[in-house]
Amino acid sequence: MNLLCNKCGASVTKKGFDTAGKQRYMCIVCGHRTVHPKEFQSDKKQGSTDWREWSENCIERQNLHEKASSSQDVCNIFLKTDKPFIIYQPLADLHIGNIGTSYKDLIEWTDQILQIPELYFSVMGDLADKFSAFKNMLAVHQMILSPEEQDKFIESWVEETQHKFLFSTWGNHEEMEERASGQNAVKNILNKKLVYFNGIGVANLHINDIKYKIVATHKTRANSCFNKTHGLKRLARENIPDGDIYVAGHNHTGAFEFTEERSLWQVFIKLCSLKKNDGYAKRYFTYFCDTTMPNVVLNTQKHEFTPFRTLSEALQFIKRV
């Protein structure tokens, strides 16, 4: 039971007795005194929290989330072939939807992927341009396809190429949509058909009886202007030391290094971009934009791999050997 002031409705407090010995009350706000305050009563619910009960509920939600998610950190891919070599061709930063993207190169890459039996590929993020809000609206207005049209374009392209598509990774351009709405349409498209790494991922590629370990991400935490593969080597040294191939995109500048690390021969690859004529990049980053995508030729009979700067070089090597 709550006692309230008859005048203003605020709470009252006991304030002595009147001459008849009755309890007197005084309003804590306006000071009004009375022996007959207003009475108020309700069935106000009192909540309670038991952290142990909540923990059990959180564990159940985690299990449901894991069950519903199609993303993964590690995958195993199995290829059986009578070819002596397989070409692993990573691509990155296609930026579908941007006015500066070379769609001619995209068509050529796709035709090569489909026509060369030994060729398999992956995409290391920024498949779509997906600018929504940015510090410079020039980047936003350089999209010639809307975000919805970009999604439809990508879905059609994946449908045609998925039988040669080993895996895919996250990208910071698709991440822009996550910042705005928490949704990621490109991720959902790739997740339906392909192995998708939502962060750093490990793809164990089993070719006949040979296993090649590929460590993949869109971009690395560390970078160096003196060594383009520095971030990947840091990733190997600090996180996943026993990979054969480490690959990333993001910077639109290509490089590869075949070197011995921790008594292992390892390949580190940085990929270029199909966004050839990028006004934003030319203003803030570089005049040059190269579409070269290094690759690795994998021996199917023994654990042996060789990197090449271009696909034509890899094809010449296969024919020569």
Protein backbone atom coordinates (compact mmCIF):
# COMPACT_ATOMS: atom_id res chain seq x y z
CA MET A 1 0.00 0.00 0.00
CA ASN A 2 1.35 3.42 -1.00
CA LEU A 3 0.32 6.63 0.77
CA LEU A 4 0.23 9.76 -1.39
CA CYS A 5 -0.33 13.48 -0.90
CA ASN A 6 -3.95 14.58 -1.41
CA LYS A 7 -2.74 17.85 -2.94
CA CYS A 8 0.04 16.97 -5.44
CA GLY A 9 0.11 13.17 -5.48
CA ALA A 10 3.69 12.83 -4.30
CA SER A 11 4.84 10.43 -1.59
CA VAL A 12 4.30 11.33 2.06
CA THR A 13 6.27 10.64 5.21
CA LYS A 14 5.17 10.29 8.82
CA LYS A 15 5.19 13.59 10.73
CA GLY A 16 4.09 13.13 14.34
CA PHE A 17 0.50 12.98 15.62
CA ASP A 18 -2.42 15.37 15.81
CA THR A 19 -4.24 16.38 19.00
CA ALA A 20 -6.46 13.33 18.74
CA GLY A 21 -3.44 11.04 18.63
CA LYS A 22 -3.83 10.16 14.96
CA GLN A 23 -0.80 9.65 12.77
CA ARG A 24 -0.01 12.75 10.72
CA TYR A 25 1.69 12.69 7.29
CA MET A 26 3.63 15.37 5.39
CA CYS A 27 4.22 15.53 1.62
CA ILE A 28 7.90 15.31 0.76
CA VAL A 29 7.35 17.67 -2.21
CA CYS A 30 4.81 20.37 -1.34
CA GLY A 31 4.82 20.01 2.47
CA HIS A 32 1.04 19.54 2.76
CA ARG A 33 0.02 17.82 6.01
CA THR A 34 -2.87 15.44 6.56
CA VAL A 35 -4.03 12.55 8.71
CA HIS A 36 -5.93 10.99 5.79
CA PRO A 37 -3.47 10.62 2.85
CA LYS A 38 -4.58 9.18 -0.46
CA GLU A 39 -4.15 5.43 -0.68
CA PHE A 40 -2.78 3.75 -3.82
CA GLN A 41 -2.23 0.10 -4.51
CA SER A 42 -1.24 -1.90 -7.66
CA ASP A 43 0.05 -5.34 -8.57
CA LYS A 44 3.37 -3.98 -9.83
CA LYS A 45 5.47 -6.88 -11.10
CA GLN A 46 8.90 -7.29 -9.58
CA GLY A 47 11.36 -8.84 -12.06
CA SER A 48 14.08 -11.27 -11.06
CA THR A 49 17.26 -12.38 -12.83
CA ASP A 50 19.14 -15.59 -12.21
CA TRP A 51 22.48 -15.50 -14.05
CA ARG A 52 22.72 -19.29 -14.09
CA GLU A 53 19.34 -19.58 -15.79
CA TRP A 54 20.40 -16.90 -18.28
CA SER A 55 23.67 -18.75 -18.97
CA GLU A 56 21.76 -21.90 -19.89
CA ASN A 57 19.59 -19.85 -22.23
CA CYS A 58 22.68 -18.24 -23.83
CA ILE A 59 24.21 -21.67 -24.42
CA GLU A 60 21.00 -22.80 -26.11
CA ARG A 61 21.04 -19.70 -28.34
CA GLN A 62 24.69 -20.32 -29.22
CA ASN A 63 23.84 -23.87 -30.27
CA LEU A 64 20.94 -22.64 -32.41
CA HIS A 65 23.15 -19.97 -33.99
CA GLU A 66 25.84 -22.52 -34.83
CA LYS A 67 23.23 -24.88 -36.26
CA ALA A 68 21.78 -22.14 -38.50
CA SER A 69 25.13 -20.72 -39.68
CA SER A 70 26.67 -21.90 -42.96
CA SER A 71 29.97 -20.08 -42.40
CA GLN A 72 33.04 -22.03 -41.30
CA ASP A 73 36.67 -21.60 -40.26
CA VAL A 74 38.09 -24.81 -41.75
CA CYS A 75 37.03 -26.86 -44.76
CA ASN A 76 38.18 -29.99 -46.56
CA ILE A 77 37.91 -30.10 -50.35
CA PHE A 78 38.54 -33.33 -52.26
CA LEU A 79 39.55 -33.51 -55.91
CA LYS A 80 40.25 -36.69 -57.85
CA THR A 81 42.04 -36.16 -61.15
CA ASP A 82 44.27 -37.90 -63.65
CA LYS A 83 45.88 -34.56 -64.56
CA PRO A 84 49.53 -34.23 -63.41
CA PHE A 85 48.91 -30.64 -62.25
CA ILE A 86 46.10 -28.46 -60.91
CA ILE A 87 46.19 -24.68 -61.10
CA TYR A 88 44.86 -22.93 -58.02
CA GLN A 89 43.84 -19.42 -59.13
CA PRO A 90 42.73 -17.04 -56.37
CA LEU A 91 40.85 -13.88 -57.39
CA ALA A 92 40.00 -10.83 -55.31
CA ASP A 93 38.38 -7.41 -55.41
CA LEU A 94 36.21 -7.84 -58.50
CA HIS A 95 34.02 -4.94 -57.32
CA ILE A 96 31.04 -5.93 -59.43
CA GLY A 97 28.76 -2.93 -59.89
CA ASN A 98 31.47 -0.25 -60.05
CA ILE A 99 31.90 1.87 -63.18
CA GLY A 100 35.67 1.32 -63.07
CA THR A 101 35.55 -2.49 -63.03
CA SER A 102 36.78 -4.27 -66.15
CA TYR A 103 33.83 -6.47 -67.10
CA LYS A 104 35.78 -7.53 -70.18
CA ASP A 105 38.45 -9.03 -67.90
CA LEU A 106 35.73 -10.64 -65.77
CA ILE A 107 34.32 -12.37 -68.86
CA GLU A 108 37.81 -13.53 -69.91
CA TRP A 109 38.60 -14.86 -66.43
CA THR A 110 35.28 -16.67 -66.25
CA ASP A 111 35.71 -18.26 -69.68
CA GLN A 112 39.20 -19.46 -68.75
CA ILE A 113 37.92 -20.93 -65.48
CA LEU A 114 35.18 -22.81 -67.32
CA GLN A 115 37.28 -23.95 -70.28
CA ILE A 116 40.55 -25.04 -68.60
CA PRO A 117 40.01 -28.44 -66.93
CA GLU A 118 42.98 -28.06 -64.57
CA LEU A 119 41.89 -24.65 -63.28
CA TYR A 120 40.09 -24.10 -59.96
CA PHE A 121 39.62 -20.78 -58.21
CA SER A 122 38.52 -18.92 -55.08
CA VAL A 123 37.44 -15.33 -54.40
CA MET A 124 39.06 -13.43 -51.55
CA GLY A 125 36.39 -10.83 -50.82
CA ASP A 126 35.03 -7.58 -52.28
CA LEU A 127 33.12 -9.49 -54.92
CA ALA A 128 30.63 -6.60 -54.98
CA ASP A 129 31.26 -2.85 -54.73
CA LYS A 130 28.39 -2.25 -52.27
CA PHE A 131 29.21 1.35 -51.32
CA SER A 132 26.35 2.65 -49.17
CA ALA A 133 27.67 5.46 -47.01
CA PHE A 134 31.27 6.63 -47.27
CA LYS A 135 33.45 9.60 -46.38
CA ASN A 136 33.51 10.63 -50.04
CA MET A 137 30.32 10.32 -52.10
CA LEU A 138 32.38 10.01 -55.30
CA ALA A 139 32.82 6.33 -54.44
CA VAL A 140 29.07 5.86 -53.98
CA HIS A 141 28.15 7.58 -57.26
CA GLN A 142 30.64 5.46 -59.22
CA MET A 143 28.36 2.44 -58.90
CA ILE A 144 26.54 1.66 -62.17
CA LEU A 145 24.54 -1.19 -60.60
CA SER A 146 22.39 -0.77 -57.52
CA PRO A 147 23.18 -3.00 -54.51
CA GLU A 148 20.19 -5.20 -55.41
CA GLU A 149 21.37 -5.50 -59.02
CA GLN A 150 24.87 -6.39 -57.81
CA ASP A 151 23.38 -9.23 -55.77
CA LYS A 152 21.47 -10.59 -58.77
CA PHE A 153 24.60 -10.32 -60.97
CA ILE A 154 26.69 -12.25 -58.41
CA GLU A 155 24.05 -14.93 -57.91
CA SER A 156 23.96 -15.58 -61.67
CA TRP A 157 27.78 -15.66 -61.89
CA VAL A 158 28.12 -18.07 -58.95
CA GLU A 159 25.48 -20.34 -60.47
CA GLU A 160 27.62 -20.69 -63.62
CA THR A 161 31.01 -21.11 -61.93
CA GLN A 162 30.30 -22.98 -58.68
CA HIS A 163 31.62 -26.34 -59.94
CA LYS A 164 35.11 -24.75 -60.24
CA PHE A 165 34.73 -22.53 -57.14
CA LEU A 166 36.73 -23.92 -54.18
CA PHE A 167 35.80 -21.40 -51.47
CA SER A 168 35.11 -17.73 -50.79
CA THR A 169 35.91 -15.24 -48.02
CA TRP A 170 34.52 -12.11 -46.44
CA GLY A 171 35.24 -8.65 -47.88
CA ASN A 172 35.25 -5.18 -46.38
CA HIS A 173 32.94 -3.81 -49.11
CA GLU A 174 30.28 -6.37 -48.30
CA GLU A 175 30.95 -5.44 -44.67
CA MET A 176 29.58 -1.94 -45.39
CA GLU A 177 26.10 -3.42 -45.65
CA GLU A 178 26.60 -5.10 -42.27
CA ARG A 179 27.47 -1.76 -40.69
CA ALA A 180 24.25 -0.23 -41.99
CA SER A 181 21.77 -3.05 -41.36
CA GLY A 182 23.48 -6.11 -39.90
CA GLN A 183 22.69 -7.98 -43.14
CA ASN A 184 25.15 -9.20 -45.77
CA ALA A 185 23.46 -10.25 -49.01
CA VAL A 186 26.67 -11.35 -50.77
CA LYS A 187 27.59 -13.55 -47.80
CA ASN A 188 24.14 -15.15 -47.93
CA ILE A 189 24.45 -15.82 -51.68
CA LEU A 190 27.89 -17.43 -51.31
CA ASN A 191 26.86 -19.38 -48.20
CA LYS A 192 24.06 -21.14 -50.08
CA LYS A 193 26.36 -22.71 -52.67
CA LEU A 194 29.97 -22.50 -51.47
CA VAL A 195 32.37 -22.82 -48.59
CA TYR A 196 32.41 -19.35 -47.01
CA PHE A 197 34.97 -18.02 -44.54
CA ASN A 198 33.56 -15.19 -42.44
CA GLY A 199 37.08 -14.35 -41.27
CA ILE A 200 40.48 -16.02 -41.59
CA GLY A 201 39.88 -19.50 -43.00
CA VAL A 202 41.82 -22.68 -43.66
CA ALA A 203 41.05 -24.76 -46.76
CA ASN A 204 42.59 -28.24 -46.80
CA LEU A 205 42.67 -29.10 -50.49
CA HIS A 206 43.05 -32.87 -50.99
CA ILE A 207 44.13 -33.69 -54.54
CA ASN A 208 44.21 -37.47 -54.93
CA ASP A 209 46.29 -38.41 -51.87
CA ILE A 210 48.12 -35.08 -51.54
CA LYS A 211 46.97 -32.37 -49.11
CA TYR A 212 47.67 -28.67 -49.63
CA LYS A 213 46.83 -26.28 -46.81
CA ILE A 214 45.58 -22.86 -47.97
CA VAL A 215 45.19 -20.02 -45.44
CA ALA A 216 42.85 -17.35 -46.77
CA THR A 217 41.47 -13.97 -45.74
CA HIS A 218 40.45 -10.73 -47.40
CA LYS A 219 42.95 -8.51 -45.63
CA THR A 220 45.60 -8.84 -42.94
CA ARG A 221 46.00 -6.84 -39.77
CA ALA A 222 49.64 -5.96 -40.49
CA ASN A 223 50.96 -4.27 -43.65
CA SER A 224 54.24 -2.87 -44.90
CA CYS A 225 55.01 -0.45 -47.73
CA PHE A 226 58.37 -2.19 -48.14
CA ASN A 227 57.07 -5.77 -48.44
CA LYS A 228 53.57 -6.42 -49.77
CA THR A 229 53.45 -9.96 -48.36
CA HIS A 230 54.49 -8.85 -44.86
CA GLY A 231 50.97 -9.14 -43.42
CA LEU A 232 50.56 -12.72 -44.61
CA LYS A 233 53.91 -13.70 -43.17
CA ARG A 234 52.90 -12.17 -39.84
CA LEU A 235 49.67 -14.19 -40.03
CA ALA A 236 51.74 -17.35 -40.54
CA ARG A 237 54.23 -16.60 -37.79
CA GLU A 238 51.67 -15.59 -35.18
CA ASN A 239 48.60 -17.73 -35.98
CA ILE A 240 48.78 -20.55 -38.53
CA PRO A 241 52.42 -21.54 -39.09
CA ASP A 242 52.05 -24.73 -41.15
CA GLY A 243 50.21 -23.60 -44.29
CA ASP A 244 51.46 -24.15 -47.82
CA ILE A 245 49.76 -21.15 -49.42
CA TYR A 246 48.70 -17.87 -47.78
CA VAL A 247 46.54 -15.51 -49.83
CA ALA A 248 44.76 -12.16 -49.37
CA GLY A 249 43.49 -9.21 -51.40
CA HIS A 250 42.20 -5.76 -50.36
CA ASN A 251 45.09 -3.45 -51.33
CA HIS A 252 44.67 -3.87 -55.12
CA THR A 253 48.41 -4.43 -55.47
CA GLY A 254 49.79 -7.82 -56.44
CA ALA A 255 52.82 -9.70 -55.21
CA PHE A 256 53.95 -13.21 -54.41
CA GLU A 257 56.84 -14.64 -52.48
CA PHE A 258 58.04 -18.24 -52.39
CA THR A 259 60.23 -18.57 -49.33
CA GLU A 260 61.30 -20.88 -46.54
CA GLU A 261 59.69 -20.18 -43.20
CA ARG A 262 60.13 -22.39 -40.11
CA SER A 263 61.82 -25.07 -42.26
CA LEU A 264 58.79 -25.09 -44.59
CA TRP A 265 58.59 -23.80 -48.14
CA GLN A 266 55.56 -21.51 -48.29
CA VAL A 267 53.89 -19.23 -50.85
CA PHE A 268 52.51 -15.81 -49.88
CA ILE A 269 50.20 -14.14 -52.42
CA LYS A 270 48.68 -10.66 -52.56
CA LEU A 271 46.10 -10.13 -55.28
CA CYS A 272 45.28 -7.19 -57.52
CA SER A 273 41.78 -6.05 -58.57
CA LEU A 274 39.51 -5.89 -61.60
CA LYS A 275 38.66 -2.29 -60.66
CA LYS A 276 40.96 -0.81 -63.33
CA ASN A 277 39.75 2.76 -63.48
CA ASP A 278 38.99 3.74 -59.90
CA GLY A 279 38.64 7.50 -59.44
CA TYR A 280 38.75 7.26 -55.66
CA ALA A 281 41.93 5.13 -55.71
CA LYS A 282 43.63 7.45 -58.19
CA ARG A 283 42.93 10.40 -55.94
CA TYR A 284 44.01 8.87 -52.64
CA PHE A 285 46.16 5.80 -53.29
CA THR A 286 47.83 5.12 -56.63
CA TYR A 287 47.84 6.06 -60.29
CA PHE A 288 48.45 2.45 -61.31
CA CYS A 289 45.92 -0.36 -61.11
CA ASP A 290 46.88 -3.83 -62.23
CA THR A 291 44.51 -6.76 -62.77
CA THR A 292 47.23 -9.42 -62.41
CA MET A 293 46.30 -12.32 -60.14
CA PRO A 294 49.18 -14.65 -59.13
CA ASN A 295 48.44 -18.37 -58.90
CA VAL A 296 49.97 -21.66 -57.79
CA VAL A 297 50.47 -24.87 -59.76
CA LEU A 298 49.90 -27.92 -57.54
CA ASN A 299 51.45 -31.28 -58.32
CA THR A 300 48.87 -34.08 -58.08
CA GLN A 301 51.43 -36.88 -57.61
CA LYS A 302 53.64 -35.44 -54.86
CA HIS A 303 53.55 -32.52 -52.44
CA GLU A 304 55.10 -29.88 -54.67
CA PHE A 305 53.81 -26.44 -55.66
CA THR A 306 55.09 -23.53 -57.74
CA PRO A 307 53.75 -19.96 -57.86
CA PHE A 308 53.40 -17.89 -61.04
CA ARG A 309 52.62 -14.24 -61.69
CA THR A 310 50.08 -14.88 -64.44
CA LEU A 311 47.83 -17.68 -65.61
CA SER A 312 49.58 -17.80 -68.99
CA GLU A 313 52.89 -18.50 -67.24
CA ALA A 314 51.28 -21.33 -65.26
CA LEU A 315 49.80 -22.84 -68.44
CA GLN A 316 53.17 -22.68 -70.20
CA PHE A 317 54.80 -24.44 -67.26
CA ILE A 318 52.23 -27.27 -67.38
CA LYS A 319 52.74 -27.75 -71.10
CA ARG A 320 56.51 -27.65 -70.80
CA VAL A 321 56.60 -30.21 -68.00
